[in-house]
């Protein structure tokens, strides 16, 4: 290359910010992010895409409150049982669905106890968790840990009920969410007694089963997510459990930055762990209610519907990050 060519090439690099224009990443746009998220969602995560990428009409009331139910806010009254009740289901050799048609609760059984994830609304916990465990042959008194992903009433309204049912067990929240519970004067289902704080990297072990906590602030300040392994017909399946997914469409830049940082953190943790299963606490995000009952009624030799593979698990986090980034751009553009 002659000296004139070197000068011209250098000028192009300086003007373009260090790389030829053809190599530069175009600026992000809401439309581009939504298109990428929709493609990533595919057939596995359409509910996640719709919930996070498509703002609801203003009259629906889901905009400002989309972060989830207000902390510790009880519904005006229990809906009819026929609306929410779901039969429990055995998902894998040592993993069980204890949720409603809308909200997921799970039990992981080990050789030395049981870990229960989520406590549902207070009105649902007795039928779904206590009675559900009985139907599945699980002894609720052997629960060693009741883990709350976050302090919203649709997931922790039954926390006090569960705490009272596991006299030898511990109730766990993330630190900031314990603070919210402790300060509450109207916790749905009764205020649980302060117990263990879930910290990043903490491992909860019940014999041959264990759960690793990943702190993922965003949905709430104390949101917890989890990594663990289950056995399915003797085959190990690695699970990434996302503890809080919904976002507002009018949040601050700081809120979205915190949320997105947690998405990236959990995506890396799930990838490093080799997770091929992605579950959450809302059926709209993981199709948990339907997949659980499909898993329970499988014929011998059929694969577990939760086992979607590592690429699909990775795409879930792509959907969430792209939608959250689009929400950030929308919020920043508002006057």
C-alpha atoms as a PDB file:
ATOM      1  CA  UNK A   1       0.000   0.000   0.000  1.00  0.00           C
ATOM      2  CA  UNK A   2       1.433   3.434  -1.007  1.00  0.00           C
ATOM      3  CA  UNK A   3       1.574   6.411   1.333  1.00  0.00           C
ATOM      4  CA  UNK A   4      -1.520   8.102  -0.178  1.00  0.00           C
ATOM      5  CA  UNK A   5      -3.594   4.940   0.339  1.00  0.00           C
ATOM      6  CA  UNK A   6      -2.440   4.707   3.949  1.00  0.00           C
ATOM      7  CA  UNK A   7      -3.475   8.327   4.575  1.00  0.00           C
ATOM      8  CA  UNK A   8      -6.926   7.774   3.015  1.00  0.00           C
ATOM      9  CA  UNK A   9      -7.498   4.557   4.973  1.00  0.00           C
ATOM     10  CA  UNK A  10      -6.478   6.248   8.209  1.00  0.00           C
ATOM     11  CA  UNK A  11      -8.883   9.116   7.529  1.00  0.00           C
ATOM     12  CA  UNK A  12     -11.749   6.665   6.984  1.00  0.00           C
ATOM     13  CA  UNK A  13     -10.996   4.938  10.280  1.00  0.00           C
ATOM     14  CA  UNK A  14     -10.871   8.228  12.186  1.00  0.00           C
ATOM     15  CA  UNK A  15     -14.123   9.559  10.715  1.00  0.00           C
ATOM     16  CA  UNK A  16     -15.929   6.258  11.227  1.00  0.00           C
ATOM     17  CA  UNK A  17     -14.845   5.862  14.826  1.00  0.00           C
ATOM     18  CA  UNK A  18     -12.104   3.308  14.256  1.00  0.00           C
ATOM     19  CA  UNK A  19     -13.673   0.877  11.768  1.00  0.00           C
ATOM     20  CA  UNK A  20     -14.820   1.001   8.144  1.00  0.00           C
ATOM     21  CA  UNK A  21     -18.481   1.986   7.773  1.00  0.00           C
ATOM     22  CA  UNK A  22     -19.323  -1.446   6.364  1.00  0.00           C
ATOM     23  CA  UNK A  23     -18.098  -3.050   9.605  1.00  0.00           C
ATOM     24  CA  UNK A  24     -19.947  -0.805  12.033  1.00  0.00           C
ATOM     25  CA  UNK A  25     -22.999  -2.005  13.961  1.00  0.00           C
ATOM     26  CA  UNK A  26     -26.029   0.090  13.043  1.00  0.00           C
ATOM     27  CA  UNK A  27     -27.655   1.997  15.913  1.00  0.00           C
ATOM     28  CA  UNK A  28     -30.314   0.011  17.758  1.00  0.00           C
ATOM     29  CA  UNK A  29     -33.962   0.792  17.146  1.00  0.00           C
ATOM     30  CA  UNK A  30     -37.144  -0.354  18.848  1.00  0.00           C
ATOM     31  CA  UNK A  31     -38.327  -1.982  15.634  1.00  0.00           C
ATOM     32  CA  UNK A  32     -35.032  -3.780  15.073  1.00  0.00           C
ATOM     33  CA  UNK A  33     -34.888  -5.066  18.618  1.00  0.00           C
ATOM     34  CA  UNK A  34     -38.494  -6.293  18.484  1.00  0.00           C
ATOM     35  CA  UNK A  35     -37.830  -8.093  15.213  1.00  0.00           C
ATOM     36  CA  UNK A  36     -34.731  -9.769  16.646  1.00  0.00           C
ATOM     37  CA  UNK A  37     -36.614 -10.736  19.812  1.00  0.00           C
ATOM     38  CA  UNK A  38     -39.502 -12.194  17.810  1.00  0.00           C
ATOM     39  CA  UNK A  39     -37.101 -14.296  15.774  1.00  0.00           C
ATOM     40  CA  UNK A  40     -35.326 -15.484  18.911  1.00  0.00           C
ATOM     41  CA  UNK A  41     -38.630 -16.375  20.593  1.00  0.00           C
ATOM     42  CA  UNK A  42     -39.522 -18.884  17.904  1.00  0.00           C
ATOM     43  CA  UNK A  43     -41.969 -21.524  19.062  1.00  0.00           C
ATOM     44  CA  UNK A  44     -40.502 -21.813  22.560  1.00  0.00           C
ATOM     45  CA  UNK A  45     -40.943 -18.318  24.034  1.00  0.00           C
ATOM     46  CA  UNK A  46     -43.850 -16.483  22.335  1.00  0.00           C
ATOM     47  CA  UNK A  47     -45.431 -15.540  25.668  1.00  0.00           C
ATOM     48  CA  UNK A  48     -42.214 -13.957  26.867  1.00  0.00           C
ATOM     49  CA  UNK A  49     -41.985 -11.908  23.668  1.00  0.00           C
ATOM     50  CA  UNK A  50     -45.581 -10.701  23.910  1.00  0.00           C
ATOM     51  CA  UNK A  51     -45.322  -9.825  27.602  1.00  0.00           C
ATOM     52  CA  UNK A  52     -42.044  -7.923  27.382  1.00  0.00           C
ATOM     53  CA  UNK A  53     -41.949  -6.484  23.869  1.00  0.00           C
ATOM     54  CA  UNK A  54     -45.529  -5.401  23.190  1.00  0.00           C
ATOM     55  CA  UNK A  55     -46.754  -2.522  25.382  1.00  0.00           C
ATOM     56  CA  UNK A  56     -50.389  -2.967  26.410  1.00  0.00           C
ATOM     57  CA  UNK A  57     -53.025  -0.336  25.691  1.00  0.00           C
ATOM     58  CA  UNK A  58     -52.884   2.404  28.359  1.00  0.00           C
ATOM     59  CA  UNK A  59     -56.341   1.509  29.653  1.00  0.00           C
ATOM     60  CA  UNK A  60     -55.249  -2.025  30.565  1.00  0.00           C
ATOM     61  CA  UNK A  61     -53.269  -0.809  33.540  1.00  0.00           C
ATOM     62  CA  UNK A  62     -50.351  -3.117  32.792  1.00  0.00           C
ATOM     63  CA  UNK A  63     -47.978  -0.365  31.776  1.00  0.00           C
ATOM     64  CA  UNK A  64     -46.743   1.336  34.934  1.00  0.00           C
ATOM     65  CA  UNK A  65     -47.461  -1.724  37.035  1.00  0.00           C
ATOM     66  CA  UNK A  66     -45.904  -4.259  34.734  1.00  0.00           C
ATOM     67  CA  UNK A  67     -43.076  -4.967  37.139  1.00  0.00           C
ATOM     68  CA  UNK A  68     -45.478  -7.362  38.811  1.00  0.00           C
ATOM     69  CA  UNK A  69     -48.107  -7.163  41.491  1.00  0.00           C
ATOM     70  CA  UNK A  70     -47.355  -4.454  44.014  1.00  0.00           C
ATOM     71  CA  UNK A  71     -45.210  -5.885  46.799  1.00  0.00           C
ATOM     72  CA  UNK A  72     -47.379  -7.610  49.385  1.00  0.00           C
ATOM     73  CA  UNK A  73     -50.599  -6.404  47.728  1.00  0.00           C
ATOM     74  CA  UNK A  74     -53.381  -8.933  48.110  1.00  0.00           C
ATOM     75  CA  UNK A  75     -56.044  -9.291  45.434  1.00  0.00           C
ATOM     76  CA  UNK A  76     -59.474  -7.860  46.315  1.00  0.00           C
ATOM     77  CA  UNK A  77     -60.745 -11.366  46.946  1.00  0.00           C
ATOM     78  CA  UNK A  78     -59.947 -14.940  45.899  1.00  0.00           C
ATOM     79  CA  UNK A  79     -61.260 -15.800  42.433  1.00  0.00           C
ATOM     80  CA  UNK A  80     -63.328 -18.922  41.933  1.00  0.00           C
ATOM     81  CA  UNK A  81     -61.224 -22.029  42.407  1.00  0.00           C
ATOM     82  CA  UNK A  82     -62.166 -23.284  38.955  1.00  0.00           C
ATOM     83  CA  UNK A  83     -60.340 -20.295  37.464  1.00  0.00           C
ATOM     84  CA  UNK A  84     -56.929 -21.026  38.973  1.00  0.00           C
ATOM     85  CA  UNK A  85     -56.778 -24.567  40.385  1.00  0.00           C
ATOM     86  CA  UNK A  86     -54.467 -27.066  38.692  1.00  0.00           C
ATOM     87  CA  UNK A  87     -53.683 -30.655  39.569  1.00  0.00           C
ATOM     88  CA  UNK A  88     -50.095 -31.298  40.687  1.00  0.00           C
ATOM     89  CA  UNK A  89     -47.810 -33.155  38.303  1.00  0.00           C
ATOM     90  CA  UNK A  90     -44.636 -35.189  38.422  1.00  0.00           C
ATOM     91  CA  UNK A  91     -42.344 -33.508  35.892  1.00  0.00           C
ATOM     92  CA  UNK A  92     -39.260 -35.699  36.342  1.00  0.00           C
ATOM     93  CA  UNK A  93     -37.962 -38.361  38.731  1.00  0.00           C
ATOM     94  CA  UNK A  94     -37.455 -35.858  41.550  1.00  0.00           C
ATOM     95  CA  UNK A  95     -39.109 -32.684  40.292  1.00  0.00           C
ATOM     96  CA  UNK A  96     -42.757 -31.696  40.671  1.00  0.00           C
ATOM     97  CA  UNK A  97     -45.199 -28.990  39.567  1.00  0.00           C
ATOM     98  CA  UNK A  98     -47.310 -27.505  42.400  1.00  0.00           C
ATOM     99  CA  UNK A  99     -48.625 -24.418  40.636  1.00  0.00           C
ATOM    100  CA  UNK A 100     -51.890 -22.975  39.420  1.00  0.00           C
ATOM    101  CA  UNK A 101     -52.986 -22.461  35.828  1.00  0.00           C
ATOM    102  CA  UNK A 102     -51.196 -19.104  35.914  1.00  0.00           C
ATOM    103  CA  UNK A 103     -48.436 -19.168  38.546  1.00  0.00           C
ATOM    104  CA  UNK A 104     -45.810 -21.863  38.958  1.00  0.00           C
ATOM    105  CA  UNK A 105     -44.565 -23.473  42.147  1.00  0.00           C
ATOM    106  CA  UNK A 106     -42.141 -26.384  42.138  1.00  0.00           C
ATOM    107  CA  UNK A 107     -40.693 -29.029  44.444  1.00  0.00           C
ATOM    108  CA  UNK A 108     -37.239 -30.572  44.109  1.00  0.00           C
ATOM    109  CA  UNK A 109     -36.881 -33.740  46.175  1.00  0.00           C
ATOM    110  CA  UNK A 110     -33.516 -34.943  47.400  1.00  0.00           C
ATOM    111  CA  UNK A 111     -32.444 -37.901  49.506  1.00  0.00           C
ATOM    112  CA  UNK A 112     -32.450 -35.699  52.620  1.00  0.00           C
ATOM    113  CA  UNK A 113     -35.329 -33.300  52.183  1.00  0.00           C
ATOM    114  CA  UNK A 114     -37.292 -31.151  49.761  1.00  0.00           C
ATOM    115  CA  UNK A 115     -36.853 -27.656  48.338  1.00  0.00           C
ATOM    116  CA  UNK A 116     -40.040 -25.774  47.400  1.00  0.00           C
ATOM    117  CA  UNK A 117     -39.868 -22.808  45.025  1.00  0.00           C
ATOM    118  CA  UNK A 118     -42.541 -20.112  45.467  1.00  0.00           C
ATOM    119  CA  UNK A 119     -45.596 -20.001  47.710  1.00  0.00           C
ATOM    120  CA  UNK A 120     -48.220 -18.655  45.282  1.00  0.00           C
ATOM    121  CA  UNK A 121     -51.126 -16.443  46.339  1.00  0.00           C
ATOM    122  CA  UNK A 122     -52.197 -17.101  49.910  1.00  0.00           C
ATOM    123  CA  UNK A 123     -55.532 -18.571  48.819  1.00  0.00           C
ATOM    124  CA  UNK A 124     -53.828 -21.105  46.516  1.00  0.00           C
ATOM    125  CA  UNK A 125     -51.032 -22.381  48.781  1.00  0.00           C
ATOM    126  CA  UNK A 126     -53.083 -24.851  50.888  1.00  0.00           C
ATOM    127  CA  UNK A 127     -54.640 -26.626  47.892  1.00  0.00           C
ATOM    128  CA  UNK A 128     -51.749 -26.427  45.465  1.00  0.00           C
ATOM    129  CA  UNK A 129     -48.707 -26.832  47.690  1.00  0.00           C
ATOM    130  CA  UNK A 130     -49.799 -28.732  50.804  1.00  0.00           C
ATOM    131  CA  UNK A 131     -52.513 -30.855  49.206  1.00  0.00           C
ATOM    132  CA  UNK A 132     -50.566 -31.123  45.962  1.00  0.00           C
ATOM    133  CA  UNK A 133     -47.574 -32.562  47.779  1.00  0.00           C
ATOM    134  CA  UNK A 134     -49.806 -35.033  49.582  1.00  0.00           C
ATOM    135  CA  UNK A 135     -51.280 -36.204  46.274  1.00  0.00           C
ATOM    136  CA  UNK A 136     -47.786 -36.716  44.886  1.00  0.00           C
ATOM    137  CA  UNK A 137     -46.594 -38.653  47.914  1.00  0.00           C
ATOM    138  CA  UNK A 138     -44.360 -35.860  49.224  1.00  0.00           C
ATOM    139  CA  UNK A 139     -44.212 -35.052  52.933  1.00  0.00           C
ATOM    140  CA  UNK A 140     -44.422 -31.300  53.452  1.00  0.00           C
ATOM    141  CA  UNK A 141     -42.831 -31.648  56.879  1.00  0.00           C
ATOM    142  CA  UNK A 142     -39.632 -32.716  55.078  1.00  0.00           C
ATOM    143  CA  UNK A 143     -39.289 -29.385  53.284  1.00  0.00           C
ATOM    144  CA  UNK A 144     -35.865 -28.015  54.231  1.00  0.00           C
ATOM    145  CA  UNK A 145     -36.054 -24.803  52.208  1.00  0.00           C
ATOM    146  CA  UNK A 146     -38.930 -22.695  50.952  1.00  0.00           C
ATOM    147  CA  UNK A 147     -37.368 -20.329  48.421  1.00  0.00           C
ATOM    148  CA  UNK A 148     -39.148 -17.156  47.349  1.00  0.00           C
ATOM    149  CA  UNK A 149     -37.854 -15.723  44.086  1.00  0.00           C
ATOM    150  CA  UNK A 150     -39.185 -12.303  45.064  1.00  0.00           C
ATOM    151  CA  UNK A 151     -41.624 -10.490  47.330  1.00  0.00           C
ATOM    152  CA  UNK A 152     -44.755 -10.155  45.209  1.00  0.00           C
ATOM    153  CA  UNK A 153     -48.017 -11.552  46.522  1.00  0.00           C
ATOM    154  CA  UNK A 154     -48.623 -13.860  43.569  1.00  0.00           C
ATOM    155  CA  UNK A 155     -45.473 -15.736  44.585  1.00  0.00           C
ATOM    156  CA  UNK A 156     -45.101 -15.198  48.338  1.00  0.00           C
ATOM    157  CA  UNK A 157     -48.672 -14.720  49.600  1.00  0.00           C
ATOM    158  CA  UNK A 158     -48.489 -18.256  50.958  1.00  0.00           C
ATOM    159  CA  UNK A 159     -45.032 -17.774  52.495  1.00  0.00           C
ATOM    160  CA  UNK A 160     -46.279 -17.701  56.093  1.00  0.00           C
ATOM    161  CA  UNK A 161     -48.468 -20.746  55.441  1.00  0.00           C
ATOM    162  CA  UNK A 162     -45.499 -22.641  54.015  1.00  0.00           C
ATOM    163  CA  UNK A 163     -43.233 -21.502  56.840  1.00  0.00           C
ATOM    164  CA  UNK A 164     -45.680 -22.856  59.399  1.00  0.00           C
ATOM    165  CA  UNK A 165     -45.883 -26.183  57.550  1.00  0.00           C
ATOM    166  CA  UNK A 166     -42.121 -26.785  57.523  1.00  0.00           C
ATOM    167  CA  UNK A 167     -41.052 -26.566  61.170  1.00  0.00           C
ATOM    168  CA  UNK A 168     -37.560 -27.853  60.430  1.00  0.00           C
ATOM    169  CA  UNK A 169     -37.117 -25.793  57.271  1.00  0.00           C
ATOM    170  CA  UNK A 170     -35.956 -22.310  56.345  1.00  0.00           C
ATOM    171  CA  UNK A 171     -37.700 -19.600  54.370  1.00  0.00           C
ATOM    172  CA  UNK A 172     -35.433 -17.716  51.963  1.00  0.00           C
ATOM    173  CA  UNK A 173     -35.724 -14.342  50.220  1.00  0.00           C
ATOM    174  CA  UNK A 174     -33.117 -12.048  48.714  1.00  0.00           C
ATOM    175  CA  UNK A 175     -31.925  -9.439  51.226  1.00  0.00           C
ATOM    176  CA  UNK A 176     -33.742  -6.382  49.810  1.00  0.00           C
ATOM    177  CA  UNK A 177     -36.964  -8.343  49.533  1.00  0.00           C
ATOM    178  CA  UNK A 178     -36.708  -9.515  53.146  1.00  0.00           C
ATOM    179  CA  UNK A 179     -36.445  -5.818  54.002  1.00  0.00           C
ATOM    180  CA  UNK A 180     -39.665  -5.150  52.083  1.00  0.00           C
ATOM    181  CA  UNK A 181     -41.431  -8.023  53.836  1.00  0.00           C
ATOM    182  CA  UNK A 182     -40.205  -6.934  57.266  1.00  0.00           C
ATOM    183  CA  UNK A 183     -41.475  -3.376  56.698  1.00  0.00           C
ATOM    184  CA  UNK A 184     -44.855  -4.491  55.388  1.00  0.00           C
ATOM    185  CA  UNK A 185     -47.924  -3.921  57.522  1.00  0.00           C
ATOM    186  CA  UNK A 186     -50.351  -5.871  55.311  1.00  0.00           C
ATOM    187  CA  UNK A 187     -48.493  -8.855  53.896  1.00  0.00           C
ATOM    188  CA  UNK A 188     -50.902 -11.137  52.054  1.00  0.00           C
ATOM    189  CA  UNK A 189     -51.429 -14.358  53.964  1.00  0.00           C
ATOM    190  CA  UNK A 190     -49.686 -13.001  57.060  1.00  0.00           C
ATOM    191  CA  UNK A 191     -46.148 -11.744  57.468  1.00  0.00           C
ATOM    192  CA  UNK A 192     -43.546 -14.543  57.581  1.00  0.00           C
ATOM    193  CA  UNK A 193     -40.897 -14.509  60.294  1.00  0.00           C
ATOM    194  CA  UNK A 194     -37.498 -13.232  59.136  1.00  0.00           C
ATOM    195  CA  UNK A 195     -35.260 -16.156  58.259  1.00  0.00           C
ATOM    196  CA  UNK A 196     -32.442 -16.908  55.800  1.00  0.00           C
ATOM    197  CA  UNK A 197     -31.126 -14.426  53.247  1.00  0.00           C
ATOM    198  CA  UNK A 198     -30.318 -15.840  49.826  1.00  0.00           C
ATOM    199  CA  UNK A 199     -26.931 -14.633  48.580  1.00  0.00           C
ATOM    200  CA  UNK A 200     -25.128 -14.927  45.264  1.00  0.00           C
ATOM    201  CA  UNK A 201     -23.559 -18.355  44.833  1.00  0.00           C
ATOM    202  CA  UNK A 202     -25.223 -19.840  47.933  1.00  0.00           C
ATOM    203  CA  UNK A 203     -25.919 -23.560  47.612  1.00  0.00           C
ATOM    204  CA  UNK A 204     -28.915 -25.249  49.204  1.00  0.00           C
ATOM    205  CA  UNK A 205     -28.410 -28.989  49.573  1.00  0.00           C
ATOM    206  CA  UNK A 206     -30.889 -31.734  50.449  1.00  0.00           C
ATOM    207  CA  UNK A 207     -28.824 -34.886  50.143  1.00  0.00           C
ATOM    208  CA  UNK A 208     -28.319 -35.752  46.485  1.00  0.00           C
ATOM    209  CA  UNK A 209     -30.051 -32.616  45.173  1.00  0.00           C
ATOM    210  CA  UNK A 210     -28.848 -29.040  45.413  1.00  0.00           C
ATOM    211  CA  UNK A 211     -29.700 -25.554  44.171  1.00  0.00           C
ATOM    212  CA  UNK A 212     -27.343 -22.665  43.466  1.00  0.00           C
ATOM    213  CA  UNK A 213     -28.695 -19.153  43.958  1.00  0.00           C
ATOM    214  CA  UNK A 214     -27.965 -16.404  41.440  1.00  0.00           C
ATOM    215  CA  UNK A 215     -28.939 -12.900  42.553  1.00  0.00           C
ATOM    216  CA  UNK A 216     -30.691 -11.099  39.680  1.00  0.00           C
ATOM    217  CA  UNK A 217     -31.988  -7.698  40.839  1.00  0.00           C
ATOM    218  CA  UNK A 218     -34.349  -5.958  38.461  1.00  0.00           C
ATOM    219  CA  UNK A 219     -37.897  -7.265  38.688  1.00  0.00           C
ATOM    220  CA  UNK A 220     -37.460  -6.485  42.383  1.00  0.00           C
ATOM    221  CA  UNK A 221     -34.304  -5.393  44.169  1.00  0.00           C
ATOM    222  CA  UNK A 222     -33.937  -8.807  45.785  1.00  0.00           C
ATOM    223  CA  UNK A 223     -34.963 -11.151  42.974  1.00  0.00           C
ATOM    224  CA  UNK A 224     -33.325 -14.580  43.101  1.00  0.00           C
ATOM    225  CA  UNK A 225     -32.803 -17.008  40.229  1.00  0.00           C
ATOM    226  CA  UNK A 226     -31.546 -20.580  40.441  1.00  0.00           C
ATOM    227  CA  UNK A 227     -29.488 -23.329  38.830  1.00  0.00           C
ATOM    228  CA  UNK A 228     -30.004 -26.994  39.636  1.00  0.00           C
ATOM    229  CA  UNK A 229     -30.086 -30.491  38.201  1.00  0.00           C
ATOM    230  CA  UNK A 230     -32.994 -32.924  38.125  1.00  0.00           C
ATOM    231  CA  UNK A 231     -33.197 -36.553  37.032  1.00  0.00           C
ATOM    232  CA  UNK A 232     -35.565 -37.587  34.254  1.00  0.00           C
ATOM    233  CA  UNK A 233     -35.782 -41.342  33.762  1.00  0.00           C
ATOM    234  CA  UNK A 234     -32.339 -41.413  35.339  1.00  0.00           C
ATOM    235  CA  UNK A 235     -30.948 -38.844  32.901  1.00  0.00           C
ATOM    236  CA  UNK A 236     -29.614 -35.613  34.405  1.00  0.00           C
ATOM    237  CA  UNK A 237     -31.249 -32.414  33.159  1.00  0.00           C
ATOM    238  CA  UNK A 238     -29.767 -29.029  34.015  1.00  0.00           C
ATOM    239  CA  UNK A 239     -32.251 -26.298  34.820  1.00  0.00           C
ATOM    240  CA  UNK A 240     -32.060 -22.505  34.751  1.00  0.00           C
ATOM    241  CA  UNK A 241     -34.864 -20.960  36.811  1.00  0.00           C
ATOM    242  CA  UNK A 242     -35.519 -17.260  36.176  1.00  0.00           C
ATOM    243  CA  UNK A 243     -36.971 -15.653  39.284  1.00  0.00           C
ATOM    244  CA  UNK A 244     -38.410 -12.418  37.891  1.00  0.00           C
ATOM    245  CA  UNK A 245     -39.157 -11.465  34.301  1.00  0.00           C
ATOM    246  CA  UNK A 246     -41.870  -8.812  33.881  1.00  0.00           C
ATOM    247  CA  UNK A 247     -40.828  -5.193  33.342  1.00  0.00           C
ATOM    248  CA  UNK A 248     -42.523  -1.780  33.312  1.00  0.00           C
ATOM    249  CA  UNK A 249     -42.764   0.182  30.077  1.00  0.00           C
ATOM    250  CA  UNK A 250     -42.070   3.503  31.790  1.00  0.00           C
ATOM    251  CA  UNK A 251     -39.016   2.717  33.904  1.00  0.00           C
ATOM    252  CA  UNK A 252     -35.897   4.795  34.373  1.00  0.00           C
ATOM    253  CA  UNK A 253     -32.670   4.188  32.470  1.00  0.00           C
ATOM    254  CA  UNK A 254     -31.120   3.042  35.736  1.00  0.00           C
ATOM    255  CA  UNK A 255     -33.882   0.475  36.217  1.00  0.00           C
ATOM    256  CA  UNK A 256     -33.412  -1.006  32.744  1.00  0.00           C
ATOM    257  CA  UNK A 257     -29.630  -1.040  33.079  1.00  0.00           C
ATOM    258  CA  UNK A 258     -29.877  -3.011  36.330  1.00  0.00           C
ATOM    259  CA  UNK A 259     -32.402  -5.408  34.823  1.00  0.00           C
ATOM    260  CA  UNK A 260     -30.378  -5.978  31.639  1.00  0.00           C
ATOM    261  CA  UNK A 261     -27.186  -6.545  33.629  1.00  0.00           C
ATOM    262  CA  UNK A 262     -29.000  -9.300  35.557  1.00  0.00           C
ATOM    263  CA  UNK A 263     -30.321 -10.846  32.334  1.00  0.00           C
ATOM    264  CA  UNK A 264     -26.773 -11.046  30.986  1.00  0.00           C
ATOM    265  CA  UNK A 265     -25.504 -12.420  34.288  1.00  0.00           C
ATOM    266  CA  UNK A 266     -28.108 -15.184  34.365  1.00  0.00           C
ATOM    267  CA  UNK A 267     -27.640 -15.947  30.665  1.00  0.00           C
ATOM    268  CA  UNK A 268     -23.933 -16.524  31.245  1.00  0.00           C
ATOM    269  CA  UNK A 269     -24.585 -18.562  34.381  1.00  0.00           C
ATOM    270  CA  UNK A 270     -27.087 -20.750  32.521  1.00  0.00           C
ATOM    271  CA  UNK A 271     -24.677 -21.226  29.617  1.00  0.00           C
ATOM    272  CA  UNK A 272     -21.748 -22.057  31.874  1.00  0.00           C
ATOM    273  CA  UNK A 273     -23.967 -24.502  33.766  1.00  0.00           C
ATOM    274  CA  UNK A 274     -25.040 -26.175  30.537  1.00  0.00           C
ATOM    275  CA  UNK A 275     -28.754 -25.650  31.151  1.00  0.00           C
ATOM    276  CA  UNK A 276     -31.091 -27.249  28.622  1.00  0.00           C
ATOM    277  CA  UNK A 277     -34.233 -26.445  30.620  1.00  0.00           C
ATOM    278  CA  UNK A 278     -35.628 -22.955  31.298  1.00  0.00           C
ATOM    279  CA  UNK A 279     -38.428 -22.481  33.814  1.00  0.00           C
ATOM    280  CA  UNK A 280     -39.952 -19.567  35.691  1.00  0.00           C
ATOM    281  CA  UNK A 281     -42.808 -18.737  38.051  1.00  0.00           C
ATOM    282  CA  UNK A 282     -45.344 -17.654  35.399  1.00  0.00           C
ATOM    283  CA  UNK A 283     -46.784 -20.008  32.805  1.00  0.00           C
ATOM    284  CA  UNK A 284     -46.890 -17.171  30.274  1.00  0.00           C
ATOM    285  CA  UNK A 285     -43.084 -17.185  30.214  1.00  0.00           C
ATOM    286  CA  UNK A 286     -42.252 -20.903  30.160  1.00  0.00           C
ATOM    287  CA  UNK A 287     -45.559 -22.662  29.368  1.00  0.00           C
ATOM    288  CA  UNK A 288     -44.978 -24.449  32.661  1.00  0.00           C
ATOM    289  CA  UNK A 289     -48.542 -25.517  33.449  1.00  0.00           C
ATOM    290  CA  UNK A 290     -48.996 -27.203  30.088  1.00  0.00           C
ATOM    291  CA  UNK A 291     -45.509 -28.680  29.848  1.00  0.00           C
ATOM    292  CA  UNK A 292     -45.744 -30.101  33.377  1.00  0.00           C
ATOM    293  CA  UNK A 293     -48.857 -32.087  32.607  1.00  0.00           C
ATOM    294  CA  UNK A 294     -47.483 -33.169  29.250  1.00  0.00           C
ATOM    295  CA  UNK A 295     -44.348 -34.418  31.009  1.00  0.00           C
ATOM    296  CA  UNK A 296     -46.431 -36.284  33.581  1.00  0.00           C
ATOM    297  CA  UNK A 297     -48.473 -38.099  30.930  1.00  0.00           C
ATOM    298  CA  UNK A 298     -45.616 -39.080  28.603  1.00  0.00           C
ATOM    299  CA  UNK A 299     -45.309 -42.533  27.179  1.00  0.00           C
ATOM    300  CA  UNK A 300     -42.101 -44.482  27.898  1.00  0.00           C
ATOM    301  CA  UNK A 301     -39.229 -43.204  25.791  1.00  0.00           C
ATOM    302  CA  UNK A 302     -40.763 -39.799  25.045  1.00  0.00           C
ATOM    303  CA  UNK A 303     -38.578 -36.802  25.769  1.00  0.00           C
ATOM    304  CA  UNK A 304     -39.328 -34.269  28.473  1.00  0.00           C
ATOM    305  CA  UNK A 305     -41.043 -31.186  26.966  1.00  0.00           C
ATOM    306  CA  UNK A 306     -39.023 -28.925  29.251  1.00  0.00           C
ATOM    307  CA  UNK A 307     -35.758 -30.179  27.732  1.00  0.00           C
ATOM    308  CA  UNK A 308     -35.499 -27.647  24.882  1.00  0.00           C
ATOM    309  CA  UNK A 309     -31.707 -27.624  24.526  1.00  0.00           C
ATOM    310  CA  UNK A 310     -28.977 -25.095  25.216  1.00  0.00           C
ATOM    311  CA  UNK A 311     -29.582 -22.946  22.118  1.00  0.00           C
ATOM    312  CA  UNK A 312     -33.260 -22.442  23.009  1.00  0.00           C
ATOM    313  CA  UNK A 313     -32.351 -21.532  26.585  1.00  0.00           C
ATOM    314  CA  UNK A 314     -29.919 -18.970  25.196  1.00  0.00           C
ATOM    315  CA  UNK A 315     -32.608 -17.542  22.929  1.00  0.00           C
ATOM    316  CA  UNK A 316     -34.849 -16.961  25.929  1.00  0.00           C
ATOM    317  CA  UNK A 317     -32.316 -14.537  27.349  1.00  0.00           C
ATOM    318  CA  UNK A 318     -31.923 -12.892  23.941  1.00  0.00           C
ATOM    319  CA  UNK A 319     -35.676 -12.252  23.861  1.00  0.00           C
ATOM    320  CA  UNK A 320     -35.648 -10.768  27.347  1.00  0.00           C
ATOM    321  CA  UNK A 321     -32.621  -8.552  26.775  1.00  0.00           C
ATOM    322  CA  UNK A 322     -33.812  -7.254  23.405  1.00  0.00           C
ATOM    323  CA  UNK A 323     -37.298  -6.500  24.717  1.00  0.00           C
ATOM    324  CA  UNK A 324     -35.920  -4.747  27.799  1.00  0.00           C
ATOM    325  CA  UNK A 325     -33.589  -2.683  25.630  1.00  0.00           C
ATOM    326  CA  UNK A 326     -36.521  -1.732  23.393  1.00  0.00           C
ATOM    327  CA  UNK A 327     -38.509  -0.687  26.475  1.00  0.00           C
ATOM    328  CA  UNK A 328     -35.577   1.461  27.575  1.00  0.00           C
ATOM    329  CA  UNK A 329     -35.470   3.196  24.190  1.00  0.00           C
ATOM    330  CA  UNK A 330     -39.223   3.804  24.256  1.00  0.00           C
ATOM    331  CA  UNK A 331     -39.098   5.236  27.753  1.00  0.00           C
ATOM    332  CA  UNK A 332     -36.186   7.521  26.849  1.00  0.00           C
ATOM    333  CA  UNK A 333     -38.081   8.855  23.819  1.00  0.00           C
ATOM    334  CA  UNK A 334     -41.094   9.948  25.847  1.00  0.00           C
ATOM    335  CA  UNK A 335     -41.280  13.705  26.559  1.00  0.00           C
END
